[in-house]
Structure formats: C-alpha cells, structure tokens
C-alpha atoms as a PDB file:
ATOM      1  CA  MET A   1       2.886  11.189 -15.784  1.00  0.00           C
ATOM      2  CA  SER A   2       1.479   7.992 -17.269  1.00  0.00           C
ATOM      3  CA  ASP A   3       2.681   6.267 -20.389  1.00  0.00           C
ATOM      4  CA  VAL A   4       0.707   4.162 -22.847  1.00  0.00           C
ATOM      5  CA  PHE A   5       2.525   0.922 -21.963  1.00  0.00           C
ATOM      6  CA  ASP A   6       1.777   1.308 -18.222  1.00  0.00           C
ATOM      7  CA  ASP A   7      -1.860   2.114 -18.998  1.00  0.00           C
ATOM      8  CA  SER A   8      -2.113  -1.058 -21.104  1.00  0.00           C
ATOM      9  CA  LEU A   9      -0.629  -3.180 -18.292  1.00  0.00           C
ATOM     10  CA  LYS A  10      -3.089  -1.746 -15.775  1.00  0.00           C
ATOM     11  CA  ALA A  11      -6.068  -2.367 -18.077  1.00  0.00           C
ATOM     12  CA  ALA A  12      -5.026  -5.966 -18.814  1.00  0.00           C
ATOM     13  CA  ALA A  13      -4.343  -6.848 -15.161  1.00  0.00           C
ATOM     14  CA  GLY A  14      -8.022  -6.896 -14.165  1.00  0.00           C
ATOM     15  CA  ASN A  15      -8.930  -9.436 -16.850  1.00  0.00           C
ATOM     16  CA  PHE A  16      -6.165 -11.767 -15.681  1.00  0.00           C
ATOM     17  CA  PHE A  17      -8.004 -12.472 -12.412  1.00  0.00           C
ATOM     18  CA  LEU A  18     -11.264 -13.379 -14.148  1.00  0.00           C
ATOM     19  CA  ARG A  19      -9.672 -16.619 -15.389  1.00  0.00           C
ATOM     20  CA  PRO A  20      -9.684 -19.949 -13.521  1.00  0.00           C
ATOM     21  CA  GLY A  21      -6.968 -20.218 -10.893  1.00  0.00           C
ATOM     22  CA  ALA A  22      -7.553 -16.944  -9.088  1.00  0.00           C
ATOM     23  CA  GLU A  23      -8.735 -17.085  -5.492  1.00  0.00           C
ATOM     24  CA  THR A  24      -9.961 -14.566  -2.957  1.00  0.00           C
ATOM     25  CA  VAL A  25      -7.495 -13.665  -0.194  1.00  0.00           C
ATOM     26  CA  THR A  26      -7.514 -10.969   2.476  1.00  0.00           C
ATOM     27  CA  TYR A  27      -4.896  -8.226   2.480  1.00  0.00           C
ATOM     28  CA  ARG A  28      -4.211  -6.880   5.984  1.00  0.00           C
ATOM     29  CA  PRO A  29      -2.174  -3.660   5.801  1.00  0.00           C
ATOM     30  CA  ALA A  30      -0.323  -2.761   8.997  1.00  0.00           C
ATOM     31  CA  GLY A  31      -1.870   0.695   9.097  1.00  0.00           C
ATOM     32  CA  GLY A  32      -5.327   0.305   7.593  1.00  0.00           C
ATOM     33  CA  ASP A  33      -8.468  -1.685   7.000  1.00  0.00           C
ATOM     34  CA  SER A  34      -8.376  -5.221   5.606  1.00  0.00           C
ATOM     35  CA  ARG A  35      -9.810  -5.902   2.165  1.00  0.00           C
ATOM     36  CA  GLU A  36     -10.536  -8.937   0.022  1.00  0.00           C
ATOM     37  CA  ILE A  37      -8.583  -9.122  -3.218  1.00  0.00           C
ATOM     38  CA  SER A  38      -8.025 -11.650  -5.993  1.00  0.00           C
ATOM     39  CA  ALA A  39      -4.699 -13.457  -6.258  1.00  0.00           C
ATOM     40  CA  VAL A  40      -3.078 -16.309  -8.119  1.00  0.00           C
ATOM     41  CA  VAL A  41      -1.301 -18.229  -5.369  1.00  0.00           C
ATOM     42  CA  THR A  42       1.684 -20.572  -5.670  1.00  0.00           C
ATOM     43  CA  ARG A  43       2.428 -22.707  -2.638  1.00  0.00           C
ATOM     44  CA  ALA A  44       5.775 -24.370  -1.806  1.00  0.00           C
ATOM     45  CA  GLU A  45       6.002 -27.326   0.545  1.00  0.00           C
ATOM     46  CA  PRO A  46       7.393 -26.665   4.047  1.00  0.00           C
ATOM     47  CA  GLY A  47      11.116 -27.292   4.206  1.00  0.00           C
ATOM     48  CA  ARG A  48      11.710 -26.504   0.523  1.00  0.00           C
ATOM     49  CA  LEU A  49      12.660 -22.882   1.157  1.00  0.00           C
ATOM     50  CA  LEU A  50      13.403 -20.876   4.302  1.00  0.00           C
ATOM     51  CA  GLY A  51      13.990 -23.944   6.458  1.00  0.00           C
ATOM     52  CA  SER A  52      10.682 -25.344   7.653  1.00  0.00           C
ATOM     53  CA  LEU A  53       8.473 -22.362   6.826  1.00  0.00           C
ATOM     54  CA  PRO A  54       6.101 -22.638   3.892  1.00  0.00           C
ATOM     55  CA  VAL A  55       6.665 -20.007   1.220  1.00  0.00           C
ATOM     56  CA  ILE A  56       3.658 -18.567  -0.534  1.00  0.00           C
ATOM     57  CA  ASN A  57       3.870 -16.414  -3.656  1.00  0.00           C
ATOM     58  CA  ALA A  58       0.807 -14.396  -4.582  1.00  0.00           C
ATOM     59  CA  LEU A  59       0.336 -12.511  -7.834  1.00  0.00           C
ATOM     60  CA  VAL A  60      -1.976  -9.544  -7.203  1.00  0.00           C
ATOM     61  CA  MET A  61      -3.083  -6.424  -9.042  1.00  0.00           C
ATOM     62  CA  ASN A  62      -0.809  -3.443  -8.422  1.00  0.00           C
ATOM     63  CA  SER A  63      -3.765  -1.332  -7.277  1.00  0.00           C
ATOM     64  CA  SER A  64      -4.807   0.280  -4.009  1.00  0.00           C
ATOM     65  CA  THR A  65      -8.462  -0.622  -4.641  1.00  0.00           C
ATOM     66  CA  ASP A  66      -8.453  -3.998  -6.429  1.00  0.00           C
ATOM     67  CA  GLY A  67      -5.167  -5.421  -5.125  1.00  0.00           C
ATOM     68  CA  ILE A  68      -2.122  -4.086  -3.311  1.00  0.00           C
ATOM     69  CA  SER A  69      -0.386  -0.956  -4.515  1.00  0.00           C
ATOM     70  CA  SER A  70       3.389  -1.001  -4.716  1.00  0.00           C
ATOM     71  CA  GLU A  71       3.237   2.471  -3.139  1.00  0.00           C
ATOM     72  CA  GLU A  72       1.373   1.250  -0.036  1.00  0.00           C
ATOM     73  CA  ILE A  73       2.911  -2.153   0.682  1.00  0.00           C
ATOM     74  CA  ASP A  74       4.943  -2.510   3.887  1.00  0.00           C
ATOM     75  CA  THR A  75       6.988  -5.714   3.721  1.00  0.00           C
ATOM     76  CA  GLY A  76       7.409  -7.030   7.227  1.00  0.00           C
ATOM     77  CA  GLY A  77       4.365  -5.147   8.522  1.00  0.00           C
ATOM     78  CA  ASP A  78       1.561  -6.059   6.143  1.00  0.00           C
ATOM     79  CA  LYS A  79      -0.038  -9.491   6.182  1.00  0.00           C
ATOM     80  CA  ILE A  80      -2.077 -11.658   3.848  1.00  0.00           C
ATOM     81  CA  GLU A  81      -4.679 -14.229   4.876  1.00  0.00           C
ATOM     82  CA  LEU A  82      -4.991 -17.347   2.751  1.00  0.00           C
ATOM     83  CA  PRO A  83      -4.864 -21.130   3.034  1.00  0.00           C
ATOM     84  CA  LYS A  84      -1.306 -22.502   3.199  1.00  0.00           C
ATOM     85  CA  ARG A  85      -2.583 -25.543   1.314  1.00  0.00           C
ATOM     86  CA  VAL A  86      -5.584 -25.850  -0.969  1.00  0.00           C
ATOM     87  CA  GLY A  87      -8.605 -26.940   1.045  1.00  0.00           C
ATOM     88  CA  GLU A  88      -7.271 -25.799   4.426  1.00  0.00           C
ATOM     89  CA  SER A  89      -8.545 -22.907   6.510  1.00  0.00           C
ATOM     90  CA  ALA A  90      -7.016 -19.515   5.827  1.00  0.00           C
ATOM     91  CA  LYS A  91      -4.059 -18.439   7.977  1.00  0.00           C
ATOM     92  CA  ILE A  92      -2.528 -14.999   8.412  1.00  0.00           C
ATOM     93  CA  MET A  93       1.016 -14.754   7.032  1.00  0.00           C
ATOM     94  CA  ARG A  94       3.527 -11.901   6.968  1.00  0.00           C
ATOM     95  CA  ILE A  95       4.348 -10.377   3.572  1.00  0.00           C
ATOM     96  CA  THR A  96       8.128 -10.635   3.402  1.00  0.00           C
ATOM     97  CA  GLU A  97       9.077  -9.422  -0.056  1.00  0.00           C
ATOM     98  CA  VAL A  98       7.994  -7.804  -3.299  1.00  0.00           C
ATOM     99  CA  VAL A  99       9.468 -10.309  -5.744  1.00  0.00           C
ATOM    100  CA  SER A 100       8.619  -8.362  -8.895  1.00  0.00           C
ATOM    101  CA  GLN A 101       6.214  -5.725 -10.141  1.00  0.00           C
ATOM    102  CA  ASP A 102       5.086  -3.690 -13.099  1.00  0.00           C
ATOM    103  CA  ALA A 103       2.334  -1.125 -13.504  1.00  0.00           C
ATOM    104  CA  GLY A 104      -0.395  -3.788 -13.567  1.00  0.00           C
ATOM    105  CA  LEU A 105       0.749  -6.709 -11.400  1.00  0.00           C
ATOM    106  CA  MET A 106       2.870  -7.401  -8.338  1.00  0.00           C
ATOM    107  CA  LEU A 107       4.296 -10.710  -7.128  1.00  0.00           C
ATOM    108  CA  ILE A 108       4.697 -10.918  -3.339  1.00  0.00           C
ATOM    109  CA  ALA A 109       6.170 -13.563  -1.052  1.00  0.00           C
ATOM    110  CA  ALA A 110       4.717 -14.429   2.360  1.00  0.00           C
ATOM    111  CA  SER A 111       5.691 -16.848   5.110  1.00  0.00           C
END
C-alpha cells in the first residue's frame, strides 16, 4: 500500500537529478545487467576514512528503473562505476553500505 507522502517523495526525486551537479554513473548489480543512472556524488580524499581507501557517497533515485531500488541492492555484491576524482577515468567500486533512504532517494557508500 502506498501513502501520499511516499508518492510525493518519488515524484520529486526525478526532478532533483535534472539540476546541475548530477552525473551519470553505471550501476553493476551482482546478479543482473548494468545500467546507467544519475547520481550526485560526494568524494572523500584517500586516508580520510577507512584507512587509505577513498570513500564515495552517491545519492541515487530509489528506483529499479531510474536508479537503484532499496529492494534490489546487495551491499558487498553490487558495484558502481564512477570516477574516484572529478576528471579521472571511471573505476568500478564495491557498494558497501546503504547510508540512508526514503521512498524517493537512497544514499549509498562505495569504496
């Protein structure tokens, strides 16, 4: 059953990625086909968190078609392909955590 608040979050999420700052990344589910999605990416410098590994946070739509669904994500198995630094070539990183989520958006961590 859906509620009005969740429906509003889902409808607003798509417009969020039309603004400057979103970039195209590739979601690579462990058990399925890869797909390009939009994300707002925050990059931490190596050594700041998790020892010497860079930590990437990506805000994506909570959607199995336009983003990553919270029902499908497999932390530890799924991967995301994106540049570790702006201007670099994209690298494949393991999705390690769902940091937060609501009906429209999901914040994931990768390293």
